[in-house]
Amino acid sequence: MVFDISHDLPARQGGTWCDILEQRLFRLAGRKGPAWSVGTIESFAIIRVDFSSGPRLLTPEGDILLMFDELATQVKERNPSLLLRDT
């Protein structure tokens, strides 16, 4: 999810609405086999940008790459036929 934090607002619960969403997604993340629970997700990335004075990416690239690495791992685990076999 990509968020322009220049429009983010403080939340009553503390932090900003983007922070609250990130905390809640963190609680739902980490689904792994063999028990792929309904309502959970494998991984997520909150990508913070600031367009108030031109485009600026605030989220480190490594955080985004970790999400894709986890998704790839889970897809391979769920679909072993996708793995290359030695011939």
PDB file of N, CA and C in Angstrom:
ATOM      1  N   MET A   1       0.845  -1.163   0.000  1.00  0.00           N
ATOM      2  CA  MET A   1       0.000   0.000   0.000  1.00  0.00           C
ATOM      3  C   MET A   1       0.893   1.229   0.000  1.00  0.00           C
ATOM      4  N   VAL A   2       0.548   2.173  -0.812  1.00  0.00           N
ATOM      5  CA  VAL A   2       1.328   3.404  -0.930  1.00  0.00           C
ATOM      6  C   VAL A   2       0.524   4.541  -0.300  1.00  0.00           C
ATOM      7  N   PHE A   3       1.157   5.262   0.618  1.00  0.00           N
ATOM      8  CA  PHE A   3       0.496   6.359   1.315  1.00  0.00           C
ATOM      9  C   PHE A   3       1.302   7.639   1.210  1.00  0.00           C
ATOM     10  N   ASP A   4       0.620   8.698   0.822  1.00  0.00           N
ATOM     11  CA  ASP A   4       1.219  10.029   0.830  1.00  0.00           C
ATOM     12  C   ASP A   4       1.047  10.565   2.248  1.00  0.00           C
ATOM     13  N   ILE A   5       2.120  10.502   3.026  1.00  0.00           N
ATOM     14  CA  ILE A   5       2.019  10.878   4.440  1.00  0.00           C
ATOM     15  C   ILE A   5       1.816  12.374   4.653  1.00  0.00           C
ATOM     16  N   SER A   6       1.971  13.163   3.582  1.00  0.00           N
ATOM     17  CA  SER A   6       1.716  14.592   3.738  1.00  0.00           C
ATOM     18  C   SER A   6       0.229  14.851   3.996  1.00  0.00           C
ATOM     19  N   HIS A   7      -0.631  13.875   3.723  1.00  0.00           N
ATOM     20  CA  HIS A   7      -2.068  13.994   3.985  1.00  0.00           C
ATOM     21  C   HIS A   7      -2.524  13.124   5.159  1.00  0.00           C
ATOM     22  N   ASP A   8      -1.584  12.463   5.826  1.00  0.00           N
ATOM     23  CA  ASP A   8      -1.928  11.607   6.951  1.00  0.00           C
ATOM     24  C   ASP A   8      -2.302  12.481   8.153  1.00  0.00           C
ATOM     25  N   LEU A   9      -3.205  11.972   8.968  1.00  0.00           N
ATOM     26  CA  LEU A   9      -3.693  12.724  10.122  1.00  0.00           C
ATOM     27  C   LEU A   9      -3.395  11.992  11.419  1.00  0.00           C
ATOM     28  N   PRO A  10      -3.248  12.738  12.517  1.00  0.00           N
ATOM     29  CA  PRO A  10      -3.078  12.081  13.815  1.00  0.00           C
ATOM     30  C   PRO A  10      -4.336  11.283  14.165  1.00  0.00           C
ATOM     31  N   ALA A  11      -4.134  10.136  14.794  1.00  0.00           N
ATOM     32  CA  ALA A  11      -5.247   9.289  15.217  1.00  0.00           C
ATOM     33  C   ALA A  11      -5.437   9.423  16.722  1.00  0.00           C
ATOM     34  N   ARG A  12      -6.665   9.238  17.167  1.00  0.00           N
ATOM     35  CA  ARG A  12      -6.943   9.317  18.616  1.00  0.00           C
ATOM     36  C   ARG A  12      -6.175   8.253  19.390  1.00  0.00           C
ATOM     37  N   GLN A  13      -5.896   7.126  18.743  1.00  0.00           N
ATOM     38  CA  GLN A  13      -5.206   6.016  19.397  1.00  0.00           C
ATOM     39  C   GLN A  13      -3.701   6.262  19.529  1.00  0.00           C
ATOM     40  N   GLY A  14      -3.214   7.342  18.989  1.00  0.00           N
ATOM     41  CA  GLY A  14      -1.789   7.646  19.002  1.00  0.00           C
ATOM     42  C   GLY A  14      -1.179   7.367  17.654  1.00  0.00           C
ATOM     43  N   GLY A  15      -0.163   8.112  17.287  1.00  0.00           N
ATOM     44  CA  GLY A  15       0.435   7.955  15.967  1.00  0.00           C
ATOM     45  C   GLY A  15      -0.464   8.563  14.906  1.00  0.00           C
ATOM     46  N   THR A  16      -0.304   8.089  13.677  1.00  0.00           N
ATOM     47  CA  THR A  16      -1.136   8.556  12.573  1.00  0.00           C
ATOM     48  C   THR A  16      -2.000   7.402  12.091  1.00  0.00           C
ATOM     49  N   TRP A  17      -2.921   7.688  11.186  1.00  0.00           N
ATOM     50  CA  TRP A  17      -3.771   6.632  10.645  1.00  0.00           C
ATOM     51  C   TRP A  17      -2.940   5.617   9.874  1.00  0.00           C
ATOM     52  N   CYS A  18      -1.906   6.052   9.208  1.00  0.00           N
ATOM     53  CA  CYS A  18      -1.020   5.133   8.504  1.00  0.00           C
ATOM     54  C   CYS A  18      -0.315   4.207   9.502  1.00  0.00           C
ATOM     55  N   ASP A  19       0.123   4.754  10.629  1.00  0.00           N
ATOM     56  CA  ASP A  19       0.752   3.946  11.685  1.00  0.00           C
ATOM     57  C   ASP A  19      -0.216   2.894  12.222  1.00  0.00           C
ATOM     58  N   ILE A  20      -1.461   3.297  12.440  1.00  0.00           N
ATOM     59  CA  ILE A  20      -2.479   2.369  12.973  1.00  0.00           C
ATOM     60  C   ILE A  20      -2.727   1.236  11.975  1.00  0.00           C
ATOM     61  N   LEU A  21      -2.856   1.590  10.693  1.00  0.00           N
ATOM     62  CA  LEU A  21      -3.057   0.562   9.675  1.00  0.00           C
ATOM     63  C   LEU A  21      -1.888  -0.403   9.660  1.00  0.00           C
ATOM     64  N   GLU A  22      -0.675   0.108   9.741  1.00  0.00           N
ATOM     65  CA  GLU A  22       0.507  -0.743   9.744  1.00  0.00           C
ATOM     66  C   GLU A  22       0.499  -1.693  10.938  1.00  0.00           C
ATOM     67  N   GLN A  23       0.140  -1.203  12.111  1.00  0.00           N
ATOM     68  CA  GLN A  23       0.072  -2.050  13.306  1.00  0.00           C
ATOM     69  C   GLN A  23      -0.962  -3.158  13.136  1.00  0.00           C
ATOM     70  N   ARG A  24      -2.102  -2.826  12.575  1.00  0.00           N
ATOM     71  CA  ARG A  24      -3.161  -3.820  12.394  1.00  0.00           C
ATOM     72  C   ARG A  24      -2.790  -4.846  11.331  1.00  0.00           C
ATOM     73  N   LEU A  25      -2.160  -4.401  10.257  1.00  0.00           N
ATOM     74  CA  LEU A  25      -1.713  -5.345   9.237  1.00  0.00           C
ATOM     75  C   LEU A  25      -0.637  -6.273   9.790  1.00  0.00           C
ATOM     76  N   PHE A  26       0.225  -5.745  10.651  1.00  0.00           N
ATOM     77  CA  PHE A  26       1.264  -6.567  11.267  1.00  0.00           C
ATOM     78  C   PHE A  26       0.643  -7.717  12.050  1.00  0.00           C
ATOM     79  N   ARG A  27      -0.476  -7.458  12.737  1.00  0.00           N
ATOM     80  CA  ARG A  27      -1.163  -8.510  13.496  1.00  0.00           C
ATOM     81  C   ARG A  27      -1.759  -9.583  12.586  1.00  0.00           C
ATOM     82  N   LEU A  28      -2.114  -9.205  11.355  1.00  0.00           N
ATOM     83  CA  LEU A  28      -2.700 -10.153  10.407  1.00  0.00           C
ATOM     84  C   LEU A  28      -1.647 -10.883   9.579  1.00  0.00           C
ATOM     85  N   ALA A  29      -0.422 -10.389   9.588  1.00  0.00           N
ATOM     86  CA  ALA A  29       0.619 -10.926   8.715  1.00  0.00           C
ATOM     87  C   ALA A  29       1.324 -12.120   9.351  1.00  0.00           C
ATOM     88  N   GLY A  30       2.010 -12.862   8.496  1.00  0.00           N
ATOM     89  CA  GLY A  30       2.803 -13.992   8.971  1.00  0.00           C
ATOM     90  C   GLY A  30       2.160 -15.335   8.711  1.00  0.00           C
ATOM     91  N   ARG A  31       1.145 -15.376   7.855  1.00  0.00           N
ATOM     92  CA  ARG A  31       0.477 -16.646   7.554  1.00  0.00           C
ATOM     93  C   ARG A  31       1.467 -17.570   6.865  1.00  0.00           C
ATOM     94  N   LYS A  32       1.544 -18.795   7.363  1.00  0.00           N
ATOM     95  CA  LYS A  32       2.436 -19.808   6.805  1.00  0.00           C
ATOM     96  C   LYS A  32       1.721 -21.152   6.812  1.00  0.00           C
ATOM     97  N   GLY A  33       2.130 -22.003   5.900  1.00  0.00           N
ATOM     98  CA  GLY A  33       1.558 -23.341   5.823  1.00  0.00           C
ATOM     99  C   GLY A  33       2.048 -24.206   6.964  1.00  0.00           C
ATOM    100  N   PRO A  34       1.381 -25.255   7.306  1.00  0.00           N
ATOM    101  CA  PRO A  34       0.225 -25.768   6.580  1.00  0.00           C
ATOM    102  C   PRO A  34      -1.102 -25.153   7.017  1.00  0.00           C
ATOM    103  N   ALA A  35      -1.103 -24.311   8.026  1.00  0.00           N
ATOM    104  CA  ALA A  35      -2.355 -23.724   8.525  1.00  0.00           C
ATOM    105  C   ALA A  35      -2.517 -22.308   7.995  1.00  0.00           C
ATOM    106  N   TRP A  36      -3.027 -22.185   6.770  1.00  0.00           N
ATOM    107  CA  TRP A  36      -3.235 -20.872   6.181  1.00  0.00           C
ATOM    108  C   TRP A  36      -4.577 -20.356   6.653  1.00  0.00           C
ATOM    109  N   SER A  37      -4.571 -19.655   7.758  1.00  0.00           N
ATOM    110  CA  SER A  37      -5.805 -19.189   8.385  1.00  0.00           C
ATOM    111  C   SER A  37      -6.525 -18.160   7.523  1.00  0.00           C
ATOM    112  N   VAL A  38      -7.840 -18.312   7.464  1.00  0.00           N
ATOM    113  CA  VAL A  38      -8.666 -17.340   6.754  1.00  0.00           C
ATOM    114  C   VAL A  38      -8.554 -16.002   7.470  1.00  0.00           C
ATOM    115  N   GLY A  39      -8.438 -14.932   6.713  1.00  0.00           N
ATOM    116  CA  GLY A  39      -8.369 -13.601   7.304  1.00  0.00           C
ATOM    117  C   GLY A  39      -6.967 -13.150   7.644  1.00  0.00           C
ATOM    118  N   THR A  40      -5.969 -13.987   7.339  1.00  0.00           N
ATOM    119  CA  THR A  40      -4.588 -13.564   7.564  1.00  0.00           C
ATOM    120  C   THR A  40      -3.892 -13.419   6.218  1.00  0.00           C
ATOM    121  N   ILE A  41      -2.742 -12.775   6.232  1.00  0.00           N
ATOM    122  CA  ILE A  41      -1.988 -12.530   5.008  1.00  0.00           C
ATOM    123  C   ILE A  41      -0.542 -12.964   5.223  1.00  0.00           C
ATOM    124  N   GLU A  42       0.132 -13.240   4.130  1.00  0.00           N
ATOM    125  CA  GLU A  42       1.524 -13.659   4.232  1.00  0.00           C
ATOM    126  C   GLU A  42       2.438 -12.498   4.619  1.00  0.00           C
ATOM    127  N   SER A  43       2.279 -11.388   3.943  1.00  0.00           N
ATOM    128  CA  SER A  43       3.165 -10.258   4.170  1.00  0.00           C
ATOM    129  C   SER A  43       2.507  -8.987   3.633  1.00  0.00           C
ATOM    130  N   PHE A  44       3.089  -7.869   3.955  1.00  0.00           N
ATOM    131  CA  PHE A  44       2.582  -6.583   3.462  1.00  0.00           C
ATOM    132  C   PHE A  44       3.712  -5.574   3.494  1.00  0.00           C
ATOM    133  N   ALA A  45       3.505  -4.495   2.800  1.00  0.00           N
ATOM    134  CA  ALA A  45       4.451  -3.378   2.855  1.00  0.00           C
ATOM    135  C   ALA A  45       3.653  -2.087   2.826  1.00  0.00           C
ATOM    136  N   ILE A  46       3.944  -1.216   3.751  1.00  0.00           N
ATOM    137  CA  ILE A  46       3.408   0.144   3.748  1.00  0.00           C
ATOM    138  C   ILE A  46       4.517   1.007   3.151  1.00  0.00           C
ATOM    139  N   ILE A  47       4.236   1.604   2.015  1.00  0.00           N
ATOM    140  CA  ILE A  47       5.229   2.443   1.345  1.00  0.00           C
ATOM    141  C   ILE A  47       4.831   3.894   1.569  1.00  0.00           C
ATOM    142  N   ARG A  48       5.636   4.576   2.331  1.00  0.00           N
ATOM    143  CA  ARG A  48       5.351   5.973   2.656  1.00  0.00           C
ATOM    144  C   ARG A  48       6.059   6.878   1.646  1.00  0.00           C
ATOM    145  N   VAL A  49       5.291   7.786   1.092  1.00  0.00           N
ATOM    146  CA  VAL A  49       5.838   8.785   0.175  1.00  0.00           C
ATOM    147  C   VAL A  49       5.396  10.156   0.672  1.00  0.00           C
ATOM    148  N   ASP A  50       6.077  11.179   0.224  1.00  0.00           N
ATOM    149  CA  ASP A  50       5.719  12.550   0.582  1.00  0.00           C
ATOM    150  C   ASP A  50       5.704  13.373  -0.697  1.00  0.00           C
ATOM    151  N   PHE A  51       4.504  13.740  -1.142  1.00  0.00           N
ATOM    152  CA  PHE A  51       4.354  14.512  -2.365  1.00  0.00           C
ATOM    153  C   PHE A  51       4.124  15.991  -2.084  1.00  0.00           C
ATOM    154  N   SER A  52       4.340  16.429  -0.842  1.00  0.00           N
ATOM    155  CA  SER A  52       4.067  17.828  -0.503  1.00  0.00           C
ATOM    156  C   SER A  52       4.983  18.797  -1.252  1.00  0.00           C
ATOM    157  N   SER A  53       6.211  18.396  -1.526  1.00  0.00           N
ATOM    158  CA  SER A  53       7.121  19.274  -2.273  1.00  0.00           C
ATOM    159  C   SER A  53       7.844  18.460  -3.348  1.00  0.00           C
ATOM    160  N   GLY A  54       7.077  17.684  -4.091  1.00  0.00           N
ATOM    161  CA  GLY A  54       7.649  16.808  -5.114  1.00  0.00           C
ATOM    162  C   GLY A  54       7.729  15.394  -4.585  1.00  0.00           C
ATOM    163  N   PRO A  55       7.847  14.414  -5.483  1.00  0.00           N
ATOM    164  CA  PRO A  55       7.841  13.017  -5.036  1.00  0.00           C
ATOM    165  C   PRO A  55       9.080  12.666  -4.224  1.00  0.00           C
ATOM    166  N   ARG A  56       8.849  11.971  -3.114  1.00  0.00           N
ATOM    167  CA  ARG A  56       9.953  11.535  -2.254  1.00  0.00           C
ATOM    168  C   ARG A  56       9.556  10.232  -1.578  1.00  0.00           C
ATOM    169  N   LEU A  57      10.317   9.171  -1.793  1.00  0.00           N
ATOM    170  CA  LEU A  57      10.076   7.878  -1.166  1.00  0.00           C
ATOM    171  C   LEU A  57      10.722   7.871   0.206  1.00  0.00           C
ATOM    172  N   LEU A  58       9.939   7.562   1.234  1.00  0.00           N
ATOM    173  CA  LEU A  58      10.439   7.570   2.605  1.00  0.00           C
ATOM    174  C   LEU A  58      10.719   6.171   3.138  1.00  0.00           C
ATOM    175  N   THR A  59      10.102   5.163   2.565  1.00  0.00           N
ATOM    176  CA  THR A  59      10.267   3.783   3.018  1.00  0.00           C
ATOM    177  C   THR A  59      11.548   3.196   2.423  1.00  0.00           C
ATOM    178  N   PRO A  60      12.392   2.586   3.253  1.00  0.00           N
ATOM    179  CA  PRO A  60      13.617   1.973   2.722  1.00  0.00           C
ATOM    180  C   PRO A  60      13.281   0.842   1.747  1.00  0.00           C
ATOM    181  N   GLU A  61      14.057   0.740   0.678  1.00  0.00           N
ATOM    182  CA  GLU A  61      13.826  -0.286  -0.342  1.00  0.00           C
ATOM    183  C   GLU A  61      13.869  -1.688   0.259  1.00  0.00           C
ATOM    184  N   GLY A  62      14.714  -1.889   1.251  1.00  0.00           N
ATOM    185  CA  GLY A  62      14.837  -3.203   1.892  1.00  0.00           C
ATOM    186  C   GLY A  62      13.539  -3.682   2.503  1.00  0.00           C
ATOM    187  N   ASP A  63      12.743  -2.780   3.069  1.00  0.00           N
ATOM    188  CA  ASP A  63      11.452  -3.159   3.656  1.00  0.00           C
ATOM    189  C   ASP A  63      10.506  -3.705   2.589  1.00  0.00           C
ATOM    190  N   ILE A  64      10.563  -3.114   1.421  1.00  0.00           N
ATOM    191  CA  ILE A  64       9.697  -3.544   0.318  1.00  0.00           C
ATOM    192  C   ILE A  64      10.180  -4.892  -0.221  1.00  0.00           C
ATOM    193  N   LEU A  65      11.489  -5.051  -0.362  1.00  0.00           N
ATOM    194  CA  LEU A  65      12.040  -6.304  -0.868  1.00  0.00           C
ATOM    195  C   LEU A  65      11.739  -7.466   0.070  1.00  0.00           C
ATOM    196  N   LEU A  66      11.744  -7.233   1.378  1.00  0.00           N
ATOM    197  CA  LEU A  66      11.418  -8.294   2.337  1.00  0.00           C
ATOM    198  C   LEU A  66      10.015  -8.833   2.108  1.00  0.00           C
ATOM    199  N   MET A  67       9.062  -7.942   1.802  1.00  0.00           N
ATOM    200  CA  MET A  67       7.698  -8.380   1.547  1.00  0.00           C
ATOM    201  C   MET A  67       7.660  -9.299   0.333  1.00  0.00           C
ATOM    202  N   PHE A  68       8.318  -8.907  -0.766  1.00  0.00           N
ATOM    203  CA  PHE A  68       8.307  -9.734  -1.972  1.00  0.00           C
ATOM    204  C   PHE A  68       9.014 -11.064  -1.746  1.00  0.00           C
ATOM    205  N   ASP A  69      10.092 -11.061  -0.963  1.00  0.00           N
ATOM    206  CA  ASP A  69      10.789 -12.316  -0.650  1.00  0.00           C
ATOM    207  C   ASP A  69       9.873 -13.269   0.108  1.00  0.00           C
ATOM    208  N   GLU A  70       9.134 -12.753   1.069  1.00  0.00           N
ATOM    209  CA  GLU A  70       8.225 -13.593   1.850  1.00  0.00           C
ATOM    210  C   GLU A  70       7.094 -14.120   0.971  1.00  0.00           C
ATOM    211  N   LEU A  71       6.545 -13.279   0.118  1.00  0.00           N
ATOM    212  CA  LEU A  71       5.482 -13.739  -0.778  1.00  0.00           C
ATOM    213  C   LEU A  71       5.985 -14.846  -1.697  1.00  0.00           C
ATOM    214  N   ALA A  72       7.181 -14.692  -2.251  1.00  0.00           N
ATOM    215  CA  ALA A  72       7.742 -15.719  -3.136  1.00  0.00           C
ATOM    216  C   ALA A  72       7.947 -17.026  -2.382  1.00  0.00           C
ATOM    217  N   THR A  73       8.436 -16.960  -1.162  1.00  0.00           N
ATOM    218  CA  THR A  73       8.628 -18.165  -0.347  1.00  0.00           C
ATOM    219  C   THR A  73       7.305 -18.886  -0.123  1.00  0.00           C
ATOM    220  N   GLN A  74       6.262 -18.145   0.204  1.00  0.00           N
ATOM    221  CA  GLN A  74       4.966 -18.759   0.470  1.00  0.00           C
ATOM    222  C   GLN A  74       4.338 -19.348  -0.790  1.00  0.00           C
ATOM    223  N   VAL A  75       4.484 -18.682  -1.922  1.00  0.00           N
ATOM    224  CA  VAL A  75       3.946 -19.224  -3.181  1.00  0.00           C
ATOM    225  C   VAL A  75       4.645 -20.540  -3.514  1.00  0.00           C
ATOM    226  N   LYS A  76       5.953 -20.606  -3.350  1.00  0.00           N
ATOM    227  CA  LYS A  76       6.694 -21.838  -3.628  1.00  0.00           C
ATOM    228  C   LYS A  76       6.273 -22.956  -2.680  1.00  0.00           C
ATOM    229  N   GLU A  77       6.039 -22.612  -1.402  1.00  0.00           N
ATOM    230  CA  GLU A  77       5.630 -23.632  -0.433  1.00  0.00           C
ATOM    231  C   GLU A  77       4.241 -24.174  -0.762  1.00  0.00           C
ATOM    232  N   ARG A  78       3.338 -23.314  -1.171  1.00  0.00           N
ATOM    233  CA  ARG A  78       1.980 -23.744  -1.504  1.00  0.00           C
ATOM    234  C   ARG A  78       1.906 -24.488  -2.823  1.00  0.00           C
ATOM    235  N   ASN A  79       2.834 -24.198  -3.717  1.00  0.00           N
ATOM    236  CA  ASN A  79       2.802 -24.766  -5.066  1.00  0.00           C
ATOM    237  C   ASN A  79       4.143 -25.410  -5.395  1.00  0.00           C
ATOM    238  N   PRO A  80       4.426 -26.556  -4.796  1.00  0.00           N
ATOM    239  CA  PRO A  80       5.737 -27.178  -5.016  1.00  0.00           C
ATOM    240  C   PRO A  80       6.010 -27.506  -6.483  1.00  0.00           C
ATOM    241  N   SER A  81       4.966 -27.637  -7.293  1.00  0.00           N
ATOM    242  CA  SER A  81       5.183 -27.940  -8.710  1.00  0.00           C
ATOM    243  C   SER A  81       5.847 -26.764  -9.444  1.00  0.00           C
ATOM    244  N   LEU A  82       5.852 -25.588  -8.838  1.00  0.00           N
ATOM    245  CA  LEU A  82       6.502 -24.439  -9.461  1.00  0.00           C
ATOM    246  C   LEU A  82       8.022 -24.485  -9.332  1.00  0.00           C
ATOM    247  N   LEU A  83       8.497 -25.273  -8.383  1.00  0.00           N
ATOM    248  CA  LEU A  83       9.940 -25.359  -8.169  1.00  0.00           C
ATOM    249  C   LEU A  83      10.603 -26.087  -9.329  1.00  0.00           C
ATOM    250  N   LEU A  84      11.732 -25.603  -9.746  1.00  0.00           N
ATOM    251  CA  LEU A  84      12.479 -26.261 -10.817  1.00  0.00           C
ATOM    252  C   LEU A  84      13.020 -27.580 -10.286  1.00  0.00           C
ATOM    253  N   ARG A  85      12.890 -28.614 -11.072  1.00  0.00           N
ATOM    254  CA  ARG A  85      13.389 -29.917 -10.666  1.00  0.00           C
ATOM    255  C   ARG A  85      14.697 -30.190 -11.385  1.00  0.00           C
ATOM    256  N   ASP A  86      15.608 -30.820 -10.686  1.00  0.00           N
ATOM    257  CA  ASP A  86      16.872 -31.221 -11.306  1.00  0.00           C
ATOM    258  C   ASP A  86      16.604 -32.359 -12.274  1.00  0.00           C
ATOM    259  N   THR A  87      17.161 -32.264 -13.472  1.00  0.00           N
ATOM    260  CA  THR A  87      16.956 -33.336 -14.459  1.00  0.00           C
ATOM    261  C   THR A  87      18.265 -33.978 -14.821  1.00  0.00           C
TER     262      THR A  87
END
